[in-house]
Amino acid sequence: MDARIEKLAELLVRYSTAVKPGDKVLIQGASNAAPLLSAIYVAILKSGGYPFMNVSLPGIEEALYRHASDDQLAFLPPPLLMAIETFDASITVLSHENTRALSQIDPARIARYRQGRRPYMDIFMKRAAEGALKWVVTLFPTNAYAQDAEMSLHDFEDFVYRACLADESDPVLYWQKFSVWQEKLCRWLQGKKRVRLLAPGTDLTLSIENRRFISCDGRHNMPDGEVFTGPVEKSVEGFVTFSYPAIYEGREVSGIRLAFEGGRVVEAKAEKNETFLQEIIATDEGASYVGEFALGTNTNITHFTREILFDEKIGGTFHLALGAGYPETGSMNRSAIHWDLICDLRPGGEVWVDDTIIVKEGRFILSL
């Protein structure tokens, strides 16, 4: 086994979810990620936890969408609901063999599935906000991800483990130090009122008054590197042009431009798959509002990969998520979707907080 896989598993168990003796841990992933899933299982056992493996087969998701009735699409398996209601931690490993497998699926069927999962998402969000559920999502390198990133599998593996710092002698120590810097940034942002975002095709304002910023330092995503909050729901005004294609349920939407009034999307344009974009925004009332605003801080991620786990962390970017917000930020937006859209600040962008510029051309210039 690649030694970096074992280091990543240890990082997920010892640092991200901090599994302690007696913790019940849900492990979710597909069988093609077996090396990492097995390493996580062993690491949990060594930590005194009780792992439960929920492993699927590649292609099962596509089969569900193609053959299930509406009632079957909306069905939420009781054991899965029970696990998310009662377990102490959840570790999810992404490992798609075909990232476009759902590109021909009717968006209405995808929306139906998401609506059925709403109770799961609500409980997940609530328990995570209360600190009752520790969770993390990571990725196992596959040829599909490598092709999307326009890399060989070997190069993509190096990219993934470098982004996670699993190639360091002590990845846990790195993330602990990184956490200290991001906490300083979050403390500075606390109590501020207004953010203005400027970039090519973008002039957007939003309120962060009485909202909490969260430091993403490897506890919930691996790799990580962002600070985020839930903007005041009806405060978002202006327009934004997103720099990169956005992927949702295997379908790519590119050239996205959104206009906001009173916090709500009033115009949604795209160069590719515009109808799909508009259908997802119409999933429910909350889908047309912003549930998350975030700044990317991971300077080890410089390459756009078409995988949001990495792309939303790119140092020198910001992203907005349409749909569900995280309650711990103060967000009250609820939705069956949470869709991250990324804007690159490096070509001349700026971030202003109240009357202070904190990011210029993608670089933090704020002295902490």
Protein backbone atom coordinates (compact mmCIF):
# COMPACT_ATOMS: atom_id res chain seq x y z
CA MET A 1 0.00 0.00 0.00
CA ASP A 2 1.12 3.56 -0.73
CA ALA A 3 2.35 4.87 2.63
CA ARG A 4 0.50 8.13 1.97
CA ILE A 5 -2.81 6.25 2.11
CA GLU A 6 -2.08 5.09 5.64
CA LYS A 7 -1.02 8.63 6.63
CA LEU A 8 -4.24 10.02 5.19
CA ALA A 9 -6.31 7.44 7.08
CA GLU A 10 -4.53 8.31 10.33
CA LEU A 11 -5.11 12.01 9.65
CA LEU A 12 -8.85 11.43 9.12
CA VAL A 13 -9.21 9.35 12.29
CA ARG A 14 -6.77 10.99 14.71
CA TYR A 15 -7.19 14.63 13.62
CA SER A 16 -10.31 15.23 11.51
CA THR A 17 -12.78 13.18 13.56
CA ALA A 18 -10.58 12.67 16.65
CA VAL A 19 -12.04 9.21 17.22
CA LYS A 20 -11.85 8.16 20.85
CA PRO A 21 -12.56 4.83 22.56
CA GLY A 22 -16.22 3.92 22.29
CA ASP A 23 -17.03 6.21 19.35
CA LYS A 24 -19.36 4.70 16.74
CA VAL A 25 -18.09 5.68 13.29
CA LEU A 26 -19.94 5.42 9.96
CA ILE A 27 -17.60 4.83 6.99
CA GLN A 28 -19.15 5.45 3.57
CA GLY A 29 -17.63 4.92 0.14
CA ALA A 30 -17.51 2.70 -2.93
CA SER A 31 -15.59 -0.53 -3.30
CA ASN A 32 -13.01 0.95 -5.67
CA ALA A 33 -11.66 2.98 -2.70
CA ALA A 34 -10.94 -0.24 -0.80
CA PRO A 35 -7.30 0.59 0.10
CA LEU A 36 -8.27 3.82 1.87
CA LEU A 37 -11.50 2.42 3.36
CA SER A 38 -9.57 -0.51 4.83
CA ALA A 39 -6.88 1.78 6.24
CA ILE A 40 -9.57 3.97 7.86
CA TYR A 41 -11.24 0.87 9.34
CA VAL A 42 -7.96 -0.26 10.92
CA ALA A 43 -7.16 3.24 12.20
CA ILE A 44 -10.55 3.43 13.93
CA LEU A 45 -10.01 0.06 15.57
CA LYS A 46 -6.59 1.20 16.80
CA SER A 47 -8.24 4.30 18.28
CA GLY A 48 -10.75 2.18 20.21
CA GLY A 49 -13.74 3.11 18.02
CA TYR A 50 -16.47 0.93 16.54
CA PRO A 51 -16.45 1.22 12.73
CA PHE A 52 -19.49 0.44 10.59
CA MET A 53 -18.75 0.13 6.89
CA ASN A 54 -21.45 1.18 4.40
CA VAL A 55 -19.87 0.33 1.04
CA SER A 56 -21.61 0.66 -2.32
CA LEU A 57 -20.68 -0.55 -5.79
CA PRO A 58 -19.64 1.69 -8.69
CA GLY A 59 -22.67 2.44 -10.89
CA ILE A 60 -25.32 1.91 -8.20
CA GLU A 61 -26.31 5.59 -8.11
CA GLU A 62 -26.92 5.65 -11.86
CA ALA A 63 -28.99 2.44 -11.61
CA LEU A 64 -31.20 4.04 -8.96
CA TYR A 65 -31.95 7.08 -11.12
CA ARG A 66 -32.67 4.99 -14.22
CA HIS A 67 -34.91 2.35 -12.69
CA ALA A 68 -36.46 3.67 -9.47
CA SER A 69 -40.03 4.90 -9.18
CA ASP A 70 -40.67 8.33 -7.67
CA ASP A 71 -41.40 6.72 -4.31
CA GLN A 72 -38.21 4.67 -4.48
CA LEU A 73 -36.19 7.77 -5.33
CA ALA A 74 -37.57 9.57 -2.29
CA PHE A 75 -37.07 6.58 0.04
CA LEU A 76 -34.63 7.20 2.89
CA PRO A 77 -33.31 3.90 4.31
CA PRO A 78 -34.08 3.77 8.06
CA PRO A 79 -30.65 2.27 8.99
CA LEU A 80 -28.90 5.21 7.31
CA LEU A 81 -31.15 7.68 9.12
CA MET A 82 -30.56 5.89 12.43
CA ALA A 83 -26.80 6.02 11.94
CA ILE A 84 -26.76 9.75 11.27
CA GLU A 85 -29.06 10.28 14.29
CA THR A 86 -27.00 8.23 16.74
CA PHE A 87 -23.38 7.72 15.60
CA ASP A 88 -20.54 9.87 16.88
CA ALA A 89 -18.66 10.34 13.61
CA SER A 90 -18.96 9.94 9.85
CA ILE A 91 -16.11 9.49 7.35
CA THR A 92 -17.04 9.62 3.65
CA VAL A 93 -14.67 8.72 0.81
CA LEU A 94 -15.43 9.88 -2.74
CA SER A 95 -14.11 7.65 -5.53
CA HIS A 96 -16.13 8.07 -8.73
CA GLU A 97 -15.12 5.97 -11.71
CA ASN A 98 -17.19 8.16 -14.06
CA THR A 99 -17.85 11.72 -12.91
CA ARG A 100 -20.34 12.24 -15.77
CA ALA A 101 -22.44 9.13 -15.13
CA LEU A 102 -25.51 11.22 -14.23
CA SER A 103 -25.20 13.81 -16.99
CA GLN A 104 -28.19 12.41 -18.95
CA ILE A 105 -30.46 11.93 -15.93
CA ASP A 106 -33.60 14.08 -15.79
CA PRO A 107 -32.91 16.92 -13.30
CA ALA A 108 -36.41 16.46 -11.87
CA ARG A 109 -35.45 12.95 -10.75
CA ILE A 110 -32.33 14.28 -9.09
CA ALA A 111 -34.45 16.91 -7.31
CA ARG A 112 -36.88 14.19 -6.18
CA TYR A 113 -34.00 12.19 -4.67
CA ARG A 114 -32.63 15.30 -2.92
CA GLN A 115 -36.04 16.12 -1.50
CA GLY A 116 -36.26 12.61 -0.06
CA ARG A 117 -32.87 13.12 1.60
CA ARG A 118 -33.95 16.38 3.22
CA PRO A 119 -34.55 14.80 6.68
CA TYR A 120 -31.06 13.28 6.53
CA MET A 121 -29.49 16.63 5.65
CA ASP A 122 -31.47 18.49 8.33
CA ILE A 123 -30.41 16.03 11.05
CA PHE A 124 -26.84 16.01 9.79
CA MET A 125 -26.66 19.81 9.85
CA LYS A 126 -28.29 20.06 13.29
CA ARG A 127 -26.08 17.45 14.99
CA ALA A 128 -22.94 18.84 13.34
CA ALA A 129 -23.83 22.35 14.54
CA GLU A 130 -24.36 21.05 18.07
CA GLY A 131 -21.01 19.25 18.03
CA ALA A 132 -22.74 15.88 18.44
CA LEU A 133 -21.55 14.57 15.07
CA LYS A 134 -17.95 14.70 13.93
CA TRP A 135 -17.62 14.30 10.17
CA VAL A 136 -15.16 14.49 7.32
CA VAL A 137 -15.22 13.95 3.54
CA THR A 138 -12.16 13.02 1.51
CA LEU A 139 -11.30 11.65 -1.92
CA PHE A 140 -9.51 8.55 -3.21
CA PRO A 141 -7.72 9.22 -6.51
CA THR A 142 -9.24 7.53 -9.58
CA ASN A 143 -8.67 7.83 -13.30
CA ALA A 144 -11.97 9.71 -13.65
CA TYR A 145 -10.84 12.51 -11.33
CA ALA A 146 -7.42 12.56 -12.99
CA GLN A 147 -8.98 12.95 -16.43
CA ASP A 148 -11.22 15.79 -15.23
CA ALA A 149 -8.16 17.52 -13.81
CA GLU A 150 -6.26 16.86 -17.06
CA MET A 151 -3.57 14.87 -15.25
CA SER A 152 -2.21 11.36 -15.31
CA LEU A 153 -3.32 9.18 -12.39
CA HIS A 154 0.22 9.30 -10.99
CA ASP A 155 0.30 13.11 -11.10
CA PHE A 156 -3.20 13.35 -9.65
CA GLU A 157 -2.25 11.07 -6.75
CA ASP A 158 0.68 13.37 -6.01
CA PHE A 159 -1.65 16.37 -6.24
CA VAL A 160 -4.19 14.85 -3.82
CA TYR A 161 -1.71 13.78 -1.18
CA ARG A 162 0.17 17.08 -1.42
CA ALA A 163 -3.09 19.02 -0.98
CA CYS A 164 -3.88 16.94 2.12
CA LEU A 165 -0.26 17.20 3.29
CA ALA A 166 -0.23 13.40 3.53
CA ASP A 167 3.28 13.53 2.04
CA GLU A 168 4.54 15.43 5.12
CA SER A 169 6.39 13.62 7.90
CA ASP A 170 3.73 14.79 10.37
CA PRO A 171 0.50 15.89 8.62
CA VAL A 172 -1.32 16.36 11.92
CA LEU A 173 1.24 18.93 13.09
CA TYR A 174 0.92 20.87 9.82
CA TRP A 175 -2.87 21.13 10.11
CA GLN A 176 -2.62 22.15 13.75
CA LYS A 177 -0.38 25.09 12.79
CA PHE A 178 -2.58 26.00 9.84
CA SER A 179 -5.57 26.00 12.18
CA VAL A 180 -3.98 28.67 14.38
CA TRP A 181 -3.62 31.11 11.44
CA GLN A 182 -7.17 30.58 10.22
CA GLU A 183 -8.61 31.07 13.69
CA LYS A 184 -6.92 34.47 13.81
CA LEU A 185 -8.59 35.37 10.51
CA CYS A 186 -12.00 34.26 11.77
CA ARG A 187 -11.59 36.29 14.97
CA TRP A 188 -10.77 39.38 12.90
CA LEU A 189 -13.86 38.87 10.73
CA GLN A 190 -16.14 38.42 13.72
CA GLY A 191 -18.27 41.47 14.39
CA LYS A 192 -17.80 42.96 10.93
CA LYS A 193 -20.89 43.95 8.94
CA ARG A 194 -20.42 44.12 5.20
CA VAL A 195 -18.43 42.38 2.45
CA ARG A 196 -17.88 43.65 -1.06
CA LEU A 197 -16.47 41.32 -3.73
CA LEU A 198 -14.90 42.72 -6.90
CA ALA A 199 -13.56 40.68 -9.83
CA PRO A 200 -13.99 40.58 -13.61
CA GLY A 201 -17.76 40.52 -14.20
CA THR A 202 -18.42 40.65 -10.46
CA ASP A 203 -19.57 43.37 -8.08
CA LEU A 204 -21.40 41.80 -5.16
CA THR A 205 -22.22 42.93 -1.64
CA LEU A 206 -23.55 40.94 1.29
CA SER A 207 -24.09 41.33 5.01
CA ILE A 208 -22.23 39.25 7.60
CA GLU A 209 -23.65 41.16 10.56
CA ASN A 210 -24.16 38.91 13.59
CA ARG A 211 -22.98 35.89 11.61
CA ARG A 212 -20.18 33.57 12.70
CA PHE A 213 -17.18 32.64 10.55
CA ILE A 214 -16.02 29.03 10.68
CA SER A 215 -12.42 27.94 10.16
CA CYS A 216 -12.15 24.89 7.89
CA ASP A 217 -8.86 23.42 8.98
CA GLY A 218 -9.16 19.75 8.04
CA ARG A 219 -11.82 18.77 10.54
CA HIS A 220 -14.62 18.29 7.99
CA ASN A 221 -12.95 18.19 4.58
CA MET A 222 -9.60 16.73 3.65
CA PRO A 223 -8.00 18.55 1.95
CA ASP A 224 -9.26 21.75 3.53
CA GLY A 225 -8.52 25.44 3.64
CA GLU A 226 -11.34 27.96 3.78
CA VAL A 227 -13.21 30.28 6.12
CA PHE A 228 -16.94 30.56 5.64
CA THR A 229 -20.15 31.98 7.00
CA GLY A 230 -23.82 32.15 6.11
CA PRO A 231 -24.62 35.65 4.82
CA VAL A 232 -27.78 37.41 5.96
CA GLU A 233 -30.33 35.79 3.68
CA LYS A 234 -31.88 38.85 2.03
CA SER A 235 -28.70 40.95 1.95
CA VAL A 236 -26.98 39.71 -1.22
CA GLU A 237 -27.07 42.36 -3.96
CA GLY A 238 -25.36 42.75 -7.32
CA PHE A 239 -23.95 40.32 -9.83
CA VAL A 240 -21.27 37.66 -9.99
CA THR A 241 -19.54 35.80 -12.80
CA PHE A 242 -18.10 32.46 -11.74
CA SER A 243 -14.68 31.63 -13.15
CA TYR A 244 -14.91 27.88 -13.34
CA PRO A 245 -17.46 25.30 -14.46
CA ALA A 246 -19.71 24.05 -11.66
CA ILE A 247 -20.51 20.35 -11.40
CA TYR A 248 -23.77 19.11 -9.92
CA GLU A 249 -24.82 15.46 -9.95
CA GLY A 250 -22.37 14.80 -12.77
CA ARG A 251 -23.55 17.64 -15.00
CA GLU A 252 -21.24 20.53 -15.85
CA VAL A 253 -22.53 24.09 -16.03
CA SER A 254 -20.08 26.69 -17.29
CA GLY A 255 -20.03 30.45 -17.81
CA ILE A 256 -22.44 31.03 -14.91
CA ARG A 257 -23.56 34.57 -14.18
CA LEU A 258 -26.06 35.30 -11.41
CA ALA A 259 -27.80 38.53 -10.47
CA PHE A 260 -29.23 39.06 -6.97
CA GLU A 261 -31.85 41.37 -5.54
CA GLY A 262 -32.95 41.18 -1.93
CA GLY A 263 -30.78 38.09 -1.48
CA ARG A 264 -32.58 36.10 -4.16
CA VAL A 265 -31.34 35.01 -7.59
CA VAL A 266 -33.34 37.07 -10.07
CA GLU A 267 -31.36 36.14 -13.16
CA ALA A 268 -29.37 32.98 -13.88
CA LYS A 269 -27.39 32.69 -17.09
CA ALA A 270 -24.88 30.11 -18.29
CA GLU A 271 -22.95 29.42 -21.46
CA LYS A 272 -23.53 25.69 -21.07
CA ASN A 273 -26.50 23.87 -19.46
CA GLU A 274 -28.38 27.05 -18.57
CA THR A 275 -31.72 25.22 -18.33
CA PHE A 276 -30.24 22.74 -15.86
CA LEU A 277 -28.89 25.62 -13.76
CA GLN A 278 -32.33 27.23 -13.61
CA GLU A 279 -34.04 23.93 -12.75
CA ILE A 280 -31.71 23.27 -9.83
CA ILE A 281 -32.21 26.82 -8.53
CA ALA A 282 -35.97 26.12 -8.67
CA THR A 283 -35.64 22.97 -6.52
CA ASP A 284 -37.22 24.81 -3.58
CA GLU A 285 -37.48 28.34 -2.16
CA GLY A 286 -34.14 28.15 -0.35
CA ALA A 287 -32.26 27.07 -3.47
CA SER A 288 -32.41 30.61 -4.88
CA TYR A 289 -30.71 32.13 -1.80
CA VAL A 290 -27.08 31.98 -0.68
CA GLY A 291 -26.42 29.63 2.23
CA GLU A 292 -22.65 30.08 2.33
CA PHE A 293 -19.95 32.63 1.54
CA ALA A 294 -16.32 31.48 1.79
CA LEU A 295 -12.73 32.44 1.05
CA GLY A 296 -10.30 29.74 -0.18
CA THR A 297 -6.97 29.60 1.68
CA ASN A 298 -5.14 26.39 0.62
CA THR A 299 -2.12 27.56 -1.37
CA ASN A 300 -1.14 23.93 -2.06
CA ILE A 301 -4.19 23.74 -4.34
CA THR A 302 -3.48 25.83 -7.42
CA HIS A 303 -4.98 23.65 -10.16
CA PHE A 304 -8.69 23.56 -11.07
CA THR A 305 -9.78 19.92 -11.03
CA ARG A 306 -13.56 19.92 -11.52
CA GLU A 307 -13.84 18.37 -8.06
CA ILE A 308 -15.37 20.78 -5.57
CA LEU A 309 -13.63 19.18 -2.59
CA PHE A 310 -10.42 20.71 -3.94
CA ASP A 311 -11.59 23.62 -6.06
CA GLU A 312 -13.49 25.48 -3.34
CA LYS A 313 -10.26 25.56 -1.30
CA ILE A 314 -8.07 27.10 -4.03
CA GLY A 315 -6.03 29.88 -2.43
CA GLY A 316 -7.09 33.24 -3.89
CA THR A 317 -10.74 32.41 -4.63
CA PHE A 318 -14.13 32.91 -3.04
CA HIS A 319 -17.22 30.81 -3.43
CA LEU A 320 -20.92 31.07 -2.80
CA ALA A 321 -23.19 28.10 -2.14
CA LEU A 322 -26.76 28.25 -3.28
CA GLY A 323 -29.16 26.46 -0.93
CA ALA A 324 -28.73 25.08 2.57
CA GLY A 325 -26.64 27.08 5.00
CA TYR A 326 -24.86 25.77 8.07
CA PRO A 327 -26.83 26.62 11.25
CA GLU A 328 -23.64 27.13 13.28
CA THR A 329 -22.91 30.25 11.18
CA GLY A 330 -26.32 31.74 11.99
CA SER A 331 -27.68 30.88 8.54
CA MET A 332 -31.40 30.23 8.48
CA ASN A 333 -31.55 29.17 4.84
CA ARG A 334 -32.93 25.68 4.32
CA SER A 335 -32.93 23.74 1.07
CA ALA A 336 -32.50 20.27 -0.38
CA ILE A 337 -29.43 21.51 -2.28
CA HIS A 338 -26.04 22.99 -1.40
CA TRP A 339 -24.17 23.94 -4.58
CA ASP A 340 -20.78 25.67 -4.44
CA LEU A 341 -19.83 28.11 -7.22
CA ILE A 342 -16.29 29.52 -7.45
CA CYS A 343 -14.91 32.91 -8.47
CA ASP A 344 -11.15 33.45 -8.95
CA LEU A 345 -9.84 36.65 -7.35
CA ARG A 346 -6.30 36.33 -8.65
CA PRO A 347 -6.87 38.27 -11.91
CA GLY A 348 -7.39 41.69 -10.32
CA GLY A 349 -9.96 40.76 -7.67
CA GLU A 350 -10.50 42.40 -4.30
CA VAL A 351 -12.30 41.59 -1.06
CA TRP A 352 -13.39 44.48 1.15
CA VAL A 353 -14.73 44.00 4.66
CA ASP A 354 -16.38 47.16 5.92
CA ASP A 355 -13.73 49.76 4.93
CA THR A 356 -10.70 47.44 4.87
CA ILE A 357 -9.32 45.60 1.87
CA ILE A 358 -8.20 42.13 3.01
CA VAL A 359 -7.53 40.34 -0.30
CA LYS A 360 -5.93 41.84 -3.41
CA GLU A 361 -5.35 39.79 -6.55
CA GLY A 362 -5.92 36.62 -4.58
CA ARG A 363 -3.41 37.35 -1.80
CA PHE A 364 -4.32 38.10 1.80
CA ILE A 365 -2.84 41.49 2.65
CA LEU A 366 -4.42 41.68 6.07
CA SER A 367 -1.88 41.67 8.90
CA LEU A 368 -3.01 39.26 11.61
